[in-house]
Amino acid sequence: MECRQIAELLGDYFDGSLPNHLRELLEWHIDGCPPCVAFINTYRGTITATRRLPEAPMPVELKRRLIAFVKSARDAKETR
């Protein structure tokens, strides 16, 4: 497993949905990779900090733009 792959798997790793074989590979890699340990600690800190933030409603304009983006991405995928 390479360092760049670690970043792609962290969301699933932290929410517990990463398959066991990938979790074991990830943990084996970070045991010997100080830069990945630092990255993971930063990632973990970000999760902790954002969980402390109060909930706020999404601005209407942001919601509209997000929906348009998702629809556009889905339509582009379907035309491939």
PDB file of N, CA and C in Angstrom:
ATOM      1  N   MET A   1       0.851  -1.166   0.000  1.00  0.00           N
ATOM      2  CA  MET A   1       0.000   0.000   0.000  1.00  0.00           C
ATOM      3  C   MET A   1       0.898   1.232   0.000  1.00  0.00           C
ATOM      4  N   GLU A   2       0.535   2.216  -0.817  1.00  0.00           N
ATOM      5  CA  GLU A   2       1.301   3.453  -0.929  1.00  0.00           C
ATOM      6  C   GLU A   2       0.644   4.565  -0.127  1.00  0.00           C
ATOM      7  N   CYS A   3       1.444   5.563   0.185  1.00  0.00           N
ATOM      8  CA  CYS A   3       0.960   6.683   0.999  1.00  0.00           C
ATOM      9  C   CYS A   3      -0.280   7.343   0.396  1.00  0.00           C
ATOM     10  N   ARG A   4      -0.286   7.537  -0.916  1.00  0.00           N
ATOM     11  CA  ARG A   4      -1.442   8.220  -1.534  1.00  0.00           C
ATOM     12  C   ARG A   4      -2.724   7.412  -1.370  1.00  0.00           C
ATOM     13  N   GLN A   5      -2.604   6.101  -1.280  1.00  0.00           N
ATOM     14  CA  GLN A   5      -3.784   5.260  -1.085  1.00  0.00           C
ATOM     15  C   GLN A   5      -4.350   5.421   0.319  1.00  0.00           C
ATOM     16  N   ILE A   6      -3.495   5.715   1.269  1.00  0.00           N
ATOM     17  CA  ILE A   6      -3.941   5.904   2.654  1.00  0.00           C
ATOM     18  C   ILE A   6      -4.985   7.016   2.714  1.00  0.00           C
ATOM     19  N   ALA A   7      -4.687   8.138   2.084  1.00  0.00           N
ATOM     20  CA  ALA A   7      -5.603   9.280   2.112  1.00  0.00           C
ATOM     21  C   ALA A   7      -6.966   8.928   1.536  1.00  0.00           C
ATOM     22  N   GLU A   8      -6.979   8.098   0.500  1.00  0.00           N
ATOM     23  CA  GLU A   8      -8.245   7.710  -0.140  1.00  0.00           C
ATOM     24  C   GLU A   8      -9.097   6.804   0.745  1.00  0.00           C
ATOM     25  N   LEU A   9      -8.474   6.121   1.692  1.00  0.00           N
ATOM     26  CA  LEU A   9      -9.181   5.132   2.515  1.00  0.00           C
ATOM     27  C   LEU A   9      -9.549   5.628   3.906  1.00  0.00           C
ATOM     28  N   LEU A  10      -9.063   6.803   4.290  1.00  0.00           N
ATOM     29  CA  LEU A  10      -9.237   7.230   5.678  1.00  0.00           C
ATOM     30  C   LEU A  10     -10.685   7.416   6.099  1.00  0.00           C
ATOM     31  N   GLY A  11     -11.531   7.927   5.227  1.00  0.00           N
ATOM     32  CA  GLY A  11     -12.935   8.095   5.588  1.00  0.00           C
ATOM     33  C   GLY A  11     -13.559   6.775   6.007  1.00  0.00           C
ATOM     34  N   ASP A  12     -13.356   5.758   5.181  1.00  0.00           N
ATOM     35  CA  ASP A  12     -13.896   4.430   5.491  1.00  0.00           C
ATOM     36  C   ASP A  12     -13.205   3.819   6.709  1.00  0.00           C
ATOM     37  N   TYR A  13     -11.923   4.099   6.864  1.00  0.00           N
ATOM     38  CA  TYR A  13     -11.179   3.575   8.019  1.00  0.00           C
ATOM     39  C   TYR A  13     -11.753   4.122   9.324  1.00  0.00           C
ATOM     40  N   PHE A  14     -11.967   5.429   9.366  1.00  0.00           N
ATOM     41  CA  PHE A  14     -12.449   6.032  10.603  1.00  0.00           C
ATOM     42  C   PHE A  14     -13.912   5.737  10.893  1.00  0.00           C
ATOM     43  N   ASP A  15     -14.715   5.501   9.858  1.00  0.00           N
ATOM     44  CA  ASP A  15     -16.120   5.178  10.157  1.00  0.00           C
ATOM     45  C   ASP A  15     -16.342   3.676  10.323  1.00  0.00           C
ATOM     46  N   GLY A  16     -15.270   2.892  10.189  1.00  0.00           N
ATOM     47  CA  GLY A  16     -15.366   1.455  10.443  1.00  0.00           C
ATOM     48  C   GLY A  16     -15.882   0.630   9.284  1.00  0.00           C
ATOM     49  N   SER A  17     -16.003   1.223   8.101  1.00  0.00           N
ATOM     50  CA  SER A  17     -16.557   0.465   6.977  1.00  0.00           C
ATOM     51  C   SER A  17     -15.486  -0.088   6.033  1.00  0.00           C
ATOM     52  N   LEU A  18     -14.221   0.114   6.363  1.00  0.00           N
ATOM     53  CA  LEU A  18     -13.142  -0.408   5.533  1.00  0.00           C
ATOM     54  C   LEU A  18     -13.049  -1.923   5.742  1.00  0.00           C
ATOM     55  N   PRO A  19     -13.031  -2.694   4.645  1.00  0.00           N
ATOM     56  CA  PRO A  19     -12.913  -4.157   4.797  1.00  0.00           C
ATOM     57  C   PRO A  19     -11.654  -4.524   5.591  1.00  0.00           C
ATOM     58  N   ASN A  20     -11.738  -5.616   6.323  1.00  0.00           N
ATOM     59  CA  ASN A  20     -10.648  -6.029   7.217  1.00  0.00           C
ATOM     60  C   ASN A  20      -9.298  -6.126   6.528  1.00  0.00           C
ATOM     61  N   HIS A  21      -9.261  -6.703   5.336  1.00  0.00           N
ATOM     62  CA  HIS A  21      -7.966  -6.867   4.673  1.00  0.00           C
ATOM     63  C   HIS A  21      -7.333  -5.515   4.337  1.00  0.00           C
ATOM     64  N   LEU A  22      -8.154  -4.525   3.953  1.00  0.00           N
ATOM     65  CA  LEU A  22      -7.620  -3.189   3.676  1.00  0.00           C
ATOM     66  C   LEU A  22      -7.232  -2.468   4.961  1.00  0.00           C
ATOM     67  N   ARG A  23      -8.020  -2.664   6.005  1.00  0.00           N
ATOM     68  CA  ARG A  23      -7.688  -2.058   7.300  1.00  0.00           C
ATOM     69  C   ARG A  23      -6.343  -2.577   7.787  1.00  0.00           C
ATOM     70  N   GLU A  24      -6.139  -3.885   7.662  1.00  0.00           N
ATOM     71  CA  GLU A  24      -4.874  -4.476   8.097  1.00  0.00           C
ATOM     72  C   GLU A  24      -3.699  -3.959   7.272  1.00  0.00           C
ATOM     73  N   LEU A  25      -3.883  -3.827   5.956  1.00  0.00           N
ATOM     74  CA  LEU A  25      -2.824  -3.271   5.112  1.00  0.00           C
ATOM     75  C   LEU A  25      -2.520  -1.827   5.480  1.00  0.00           C
ATOM     76  N   LEU A  26      -3.568  -1.050   5.707  1.00  0.00           N
ATOM     77  CA  LEU A  26      -3.393   0.352   6.091  1.00  0.00           C
ATOM     78  C   LEU A  26      -2.628   0.443   7.407  1.00  0.00           C
ATOM     79  N   GLU A  27      -3.035  -0.329   8.386  1.00  0.00           N
ATOM     80  CA  GLU A  27      -2.378  -0.284   9.691  1.00  0.00           C
ATOM     81  C   GLU A  27      -0.934  -0.780   9.609  1.00  0.00           C
ATOM     82  N   TRP A  28      -0.674  -1.781   8.774  1.00  0.00           N
ATOM     83  CA  TRP A  28       0.687  -2.254   8.579  1.00  0.00           C
ATOM     84  C   TRP A  28       1.554  -1.147   7.973  1.00  0.00           C
ATOM     85  N   HIS A  29       0.994  -0.441   6.986  1.00  0.00           N
ATOM     86  CA  HIS A  29       1.736   0.642   6.341  1.00  0.00           C
ATOM     87  C   HIS A  29       2.052   1.756   7.326  1.00  0.00           C
ATOM     88  N   ILE A  30       1.052   2.198   8.073  1.00  0.00           N
ATOM     89  CA  ILE A  30       1.300   3.355   8.947  1.00  0.00           C
ATOM     90  C   ILE A  30       2.220   2.998  10.117  1.00  0.00           C
ATOM     91  N   ASP A  31       2.330   1.725  10.451  1.00  0.00           N
ATOM     92  CA  ASP A  31       3.278   1.331  11.499  1.00  0.00           C
ATOM     93  C   ASP A  31       4.707   1.709  11.125  1.00  0.00           C
ATOM     94  N   GLY A  32       5.006   1.758   9.824  1.00  0.00           N
ATOM     95  CA  GLY A  32       6.358   2.063   9.398  1.00  0.00           C
ATOM     96  C   GLY A  32       6.491   3.350   8.609  1.00  0.00           C
ATOM     97  N   CYS A  33       5.497   4.232   8.681  1.00  0.00           N
ATOM     98  CA  CYS A  33       5.520   5.442   7.853  1.00  0.00           C
ATOM     99  C   CYS A  33       5.179   6.680   8.690  1.00  0.00           C
ATOM    100  N   PRO A  34       6.178   7.331   9.254  1.00  0.00           N
ATOM    101  CA  PRO A  34       5.913   8.521  10.070  1.00  0.00           C
ATOM    102  C   PRO A  34       5.119   9.622   9.351  1.00  0.00           C
ATOM    103  N   PRO A  35       5.346   9.894   8.044  1.00  0.00           N
ATOM    104  CA  PRO A  35       4.529  10.918   7.393  1.00  0.00           C
ATOM    105  C   PRO A  35       3.035  10.559   7.381  1.00  0.00           C
ATOM    106  N   CYS A  36       2.722   9.287   7.190  1.00  0.00           N
ATOM    107  CA  CYS A  36       1.309   8.877   7.200  1.00  0.00           C
ATOM    108  C   CYS A  36       0.725   8.971   8.607  1.00  0.00           C
ATOM    109  N   VAL A  37       1.520   8.652   9.617  1.00  0.00           N
ATOM    110  CA  VAL A  37       1.054   8.795  11.000  1.00  0.00           C
ATOM    111  C   VAL A  37       0.696  10.256  11.265  1.00  0.00           C
ATOM    112  N   ALA A  38       1.556  11.169  10.826  1.00  0.00           N
ATOM    113  CA  ALA A  38       1.290  12.599  11.015  1.00  0.00           C
ATOM    114  C   ALA A  38       0.025  13.012  10.274  1.00  0.00           C
ATOM    115  N   PHE A  39      -0.138  12.520   9.037  1.00  0.00           N
ATOM    116  CA  PHE A  39      -1.326  12.850   8.248  1.00  0.00           C
ATOM    117  C   PHE A  39      -2.588  12.331   8.927  1.00  0.00           C
ATOM    118  N   ILE A  40      -2.540  11.095   9.396  1.00  0.00           N
ATOM    119  CA  ILE A  40      -3.696  10.488  10.052  1.00  0.00           C
ATOM    120  C   ILE A  40      -4.043  11.239  11.339  1.00  0.00           C
ATOM    121  N   ASN A  41      -3.043  11.643  12.091  1.00  0.00           N
ATOM    122  CA  ASN A  41      -3.308  12.413  13.311  1.00  0.00           C
ATOM    123  C   ASN A  41      -3.969  13.747  12.990  1.00  0.00           C
ATOM    124  N   THR A  42      -3.529  14.386  11.912  1.00  0.00           N
ATOM    125  CA  THR A  42      -4.157  15.636  11.484  1.00  0.00           C
ATOM    126  C   THR A  42      -5.599  15.385  11.048  1.00  0.00           C
ATOM    127  N   TYR A  43      -5.808  14.316  10.298  1.00  0.00           N
ATOM    128  CA  TYR A  43      -7.147  13.948   9.829  1.00  0.00           C
ATOM    129  C   TYR A  43      -8.064  13.692  11.025  1.00  0.00           C
ATOM    130  N   ARG A  44      -7.558  12.936  11.984  1.00  0.00           N
ATOM    131  CA  ARG A  44      -8.333  12.620  13.190  1.00  0.00           C
ATOM    132  C   ARG A  44      -8.667  13.912  13.957  1.00  0.00           C
ATOM    133  N   GLY A  45      -7.701  14.812  14.059  1.00  0.00           N
ATOM    134  CA  GLY A  45      -7.933  16.087  14.736  1.00  0.00           C
ATOM    135  C   GLY A  45      -8.989  16.922  14.039  1.00  0.00           C
ATOM    136  N   THR A  46      -8.991  16.871  12.717  1.00  0.00           N
ATOM    137  CA  THR A  46      -9.999  17.605  11.947  1.00  0.00           C
ATOM    138  C   THR A  46     -11.391  17.054  12.223  1.00  0.00           C
ATOM    139  N   ILE A  47     -11.502  15.738  12.260  1.00  0.00           N
ATOM    140  CA  ILE A  47     -12.796  15.109  12.563  1.00  0.00           C
ATOM    141  C   ILE A  47     -13.263  15.537  13.952  1.00  0.00           C
ATOM    142  N   THR A  48     -12.379  15.480  14.920  1.00  0.00           N
ATOM    143  CA  THR A  48     -12.726  15.863  16.294  1.00  0.00           C
ATOM    144  C   THR A  48     -13.171  17.314  16.362  1.00  0.00           C
ATOM    145  N   ALA A  49     -12.433  18.180  15.695  1.00  0.00           N
ATOM    146  CA  ALA A  49     -12.767  19.614  15.723  1.00  0.00           C
ATOM    147  C   ALA A  49     -14.108  19.893  15.059  1.00  0.00           C
ATOM    148  N   THR A  50     -14.376  19.259  13.932  1.00  0.00           N
ATOM    149  CA  THR A  50     -15.639  19.527  13.243  1.00  0.00           C
ATOM    150  C   THR A  50     -16.836  18.964  13.997  1.00  0.00           C
ATOM    151  N   ARG A  51     -16.634  17.915  14.758  1.00  0.00           N
ATOM    152  CA  ARG A  51     -17.753  17.381  15.544  1.00  0.00           C
ATOM    153  C   ARG A  51     -18.154  18.321  16.672  1.00  0.00           C
ATOM    154  N   ARG A  52     -17.252  19.197  17.056  1.00  0.00           N
ATOM    155  CA  ARG A  52     -17.548  20.156  18.119  1.00  0.00           C
ATOM    156  C   ARG A  52     -18.282  21.394  17.612  1.00  0.00           C
ATOM    157  N   LEU A  53     -18.323  21.566  16.314  1.00  0.00           N
ATOM    158  CA  LEU A  53     -18.983  22.741  15.739  1.00  0.00           C
ATOM    159  C   LEU A  53     -20.496  22.624  15.890  1.00  0.00           C
ATOM    160  N   PRO A  54     -21.151  23.739  16.127  1.00  0.00           N
ATOM    161  CA  PRO A  54     -22.621  23.681  16.197  1.00  0.00           C
ATOM    162  C   PRO A  54     -23.197  23.433  14.796  1.00  0.00           C
ATOM    163  N   GLU A  55     -24.328  22.761  14.768  1.00  0.00           N
ATOM    164  CA  GLU A  55     -24.987  22.531  13.489  1.00  0.00           C
ATOM    165  C   GLU A  55     -25.535  23.848  12.973  1.00  0.00           C
ATOM    166  N   ALA A  56     -25.455  24.018  11.666  1.00  0.00           N
ATOM    167  CA  ALA A  56     -25.967  25.229  11.031  1.00  0.00           C
ATOM    168  C   ALA A  56     -26.658  24.814   9.738  1.00  0.00           C
ATOM    169  N   PRO A  57     -27.753  25.485   9.407  1.00  0.00           N
ATOM    170  CA  PRO A  57     -28.432  25.141   8.156  1.00  0.00           C
ATOM    171  C   PRO A  57     -27.565  25.509   6.954  1.00  0.00           C
ATOM    172  N   MET A  58     -27.696  24.730   5.897  1.00  0.00           N
ATOM    173  CA  MET A  58     -26.963  25.016   4.674  1.00  0.00           C
ATOM    174  C   MET A  58     -27.596  26.222   3.989  1.00  0.00           C
ATOM    175  N   PRO A  59     -26.800  27.189   3.583  1.00  0.00           N
ATOM    176  CA  PRO A  59     -27.358  28.333   2.857  1.00  0.00           C
ATOM    177  C   PRO A  59     -28.076  27.863   1.587  1.00  0.00           C
ATOM    178  N   VAL A  60     -29.180  28.502   1.267  1.00  0.00           N
ATOM    179  CA  VAL A  60     -30.018  28.104   0.138  1.00  0.00           C
ATOM    180  C   VAL A  60     -29.217  28.089  -1.166  1.00  0.00           C
ATOM    181  N   GLU A  61     -28.408  29.121  -1.401  1.00  0.00           N
ATOM    182  CA  GLU A  61     -27.640  29.195  -2.642  1.00  0.00           C
ATOM    183  C   GLU A  61     -26.628  28.048  -2.727  1.00  0.00           C
ATOM    184  N   LEU A  62     -25.990  27.707  -1.636  1.00  0.00           N
ATOM    185  CA  LEU A  62     -25.040  26.597  -1.636  1.00  0.00           C
ATOM    186  C   LEU A  62     -25.753  25.284  -1.933  1.00  0.00           C
ATOM    187  N   LYS A  63     -26.920  25.097  -1.341  1.00  0.00           N
ATOM    188  CA  LYS A  63     -27.694  23.886  -1.581  1.00  0.00           C
ATOM    189  C   LYS A  63     -28.082  23.785  -3.053  1.00  0.00           C
ATOM    190  N   ARG A  64     -28.507  24.885  -3.643  1.00  0.00           N
ATOM    191  CA  ARG A  64     -28.898  24.896  -5.048  1.00  0.00           C
ATOM    192  C   ARG A  64     -27.712  24.533  -5.935  1.00  0.00           C
ATOM    193  N   ARG A  65     -26.556  25.116  -5.657  1.00  0.00           N
ATOM    194  CA  ARG A  65     -25.363  24.851  -6.461  1.00  0.00           C
ATOM    195  C   ARG A  65     -24.883  23.409  -6.285  1.00  0.00           C
ATOM    196  N   LEU A  66     -24.978  22.884  -5.082  1.00  0.00           N
ATOM    197  CA  LEU A  66     -24.572  21.510  -4.824  1.00  0.00           C
ATOM    198  C   LEU A  66     -25.458  20.521  -5.578  1.00  0.00           C
ATOM    199  N   ILE A  67     -26.747  20.743  -5.539  1.00  0.00           N
ATOM    200  CA  ILE A  67     -27.682  19.866  -6.261  1.00  0.00           C
ATOM    201  C   ILE A  67     -27.402  19.920  -7.761  1.00  0.00           C
ATOM    202  N   ALA A  68     -27.163  21.110  -8.290  1.00  0.00           N
ATOM    203  CA  ALA A  68     -26.859  21.254  -9.716  1.00  0.00           C
ATOM    204  C   ALA A  68     -25.571  20.514 -10.075  1.00  0.00           C
ATOM    205  N   PHE A  69     -24.575  20.609  -9.209  1.00  0.00           N
ATOM    206  CA  PHE A  69     -23.308  19.925  -9.462  1.00  0.00           C
ATOM    207  C   PHE A  69     -23.491  18.413  -9.464  1.00  0.00           C
ATOM    208  N   VAL A  70     -24.204  17.892  -8.487  1.00  0.00           N
ATOM    209  CA  VAL A  70     -24.417  16.446  -8.397  1.00  0.00           C
ATOM    210  C   VAL A  70     -25.190  15.946  -9.615  1.00  0.00           C
ATOM    211  N   LYS A  71     -26.219  16.672 -10.018  1.00  0.00           N
ATOM    212  CA  LYS A  71     -26.982  16.276 -11.207  1.00  0.00           C
ATOM    213  C   LYS A  71     -26.102  16.290 -12.451  1.00  0.00           C
ATOM    214  N   SER A  72     -25.275  17.306 -12.566  1.00  0.00           N
ATOM    215  CA  SER A  72     -24.374  17.412 -13.713  1.00  0.00           C
ATOM    216  C   SER A  72     -23.382  16.256 -13.744  1.00  0.00           C
ATOM    217  N   ALA A  73     -22.824  15.921 -12.609  1.00  0.00           N
ATOM    218  CA  ALA A  73     -21.868  14.818 -12.522  1.00  0.00           C
ATOM    219  C   ALA A  73     -22.555  13.492 -12.849  1.00  0.00           C
ATOM    220  N   ARG A  74     -23.765  13.325 -12.350  1.00  0.00           N
ATOM    221  CA  ARG A  74     -24.504  12.083 -12.622  1.00  0.00           C
ATOM    222  C   ARG A  74     -24.826  11.983 -14.113  1.00  0.00           C
ATOM    223  N   ASP A  75     -25.265  13.080 -14.715  1.00  0.00           N
ATOM    224  CA  ASP A  75     -25.589  13.071 -16.142  1.00  0.00           C
ATOM    225  C   ASP A  75     -24.346  12.784 -16.989  1.00  0.00           C
ATOM    226  N   ALA A  76     -23.216  13.349 -16.607  1.00  0.00           N
ATOM    227  CA  ALA A  76     -21.972  13.121 -17.336  1.00  0.00           C
ATOM    228  C   ALA A  76     -21.563  11.651 -17.241  1.00  0.00           C
ATOM    229  N   LYS A  77     -21.771  11.050 -16.083  1.00  0.00           N
ATOM    230  CA  LYS A  77     -21.419   9.647 -15.879  1.00  0.00           C
ATOM    231  C   LYS A  77     -22.316   8.750 -16.729  1.00  0.00           C
ATOM    232  N   GLU A  78     -23.592   9.102 -16.826  1.00  0.00           N
ATOM    233  CA  GLU A  78     -24.546   8.284 -17.568  1.00  0.00           C
ATOM    234  C   GLU A  78     -24.298   8.343 -19.075  1.00  0.00           C
ATOM    235  N   THR A  79     -23.681   9.423 -19.561  1.00  0.00           N
ATOM    236  CA  THR A  79     -23.448   9.549 -21.008  1.00  0.00           C
ATOM    237  C   THR A  79     -22.159   8.870 -21.436  1.00  0.00           C
ATOM    238  N   ARG A  80     -21.389   8.349 -20.513  1.00  0.00           N
ATOM    239  CA  ARG A  80     -20.137   7.653 -20.879  1.00  0.00           C
ATOM    240  C   ARG A  80     -20.399   6.298 -21.406  1.00  0.00           C
TER     241      ARG A  80
END
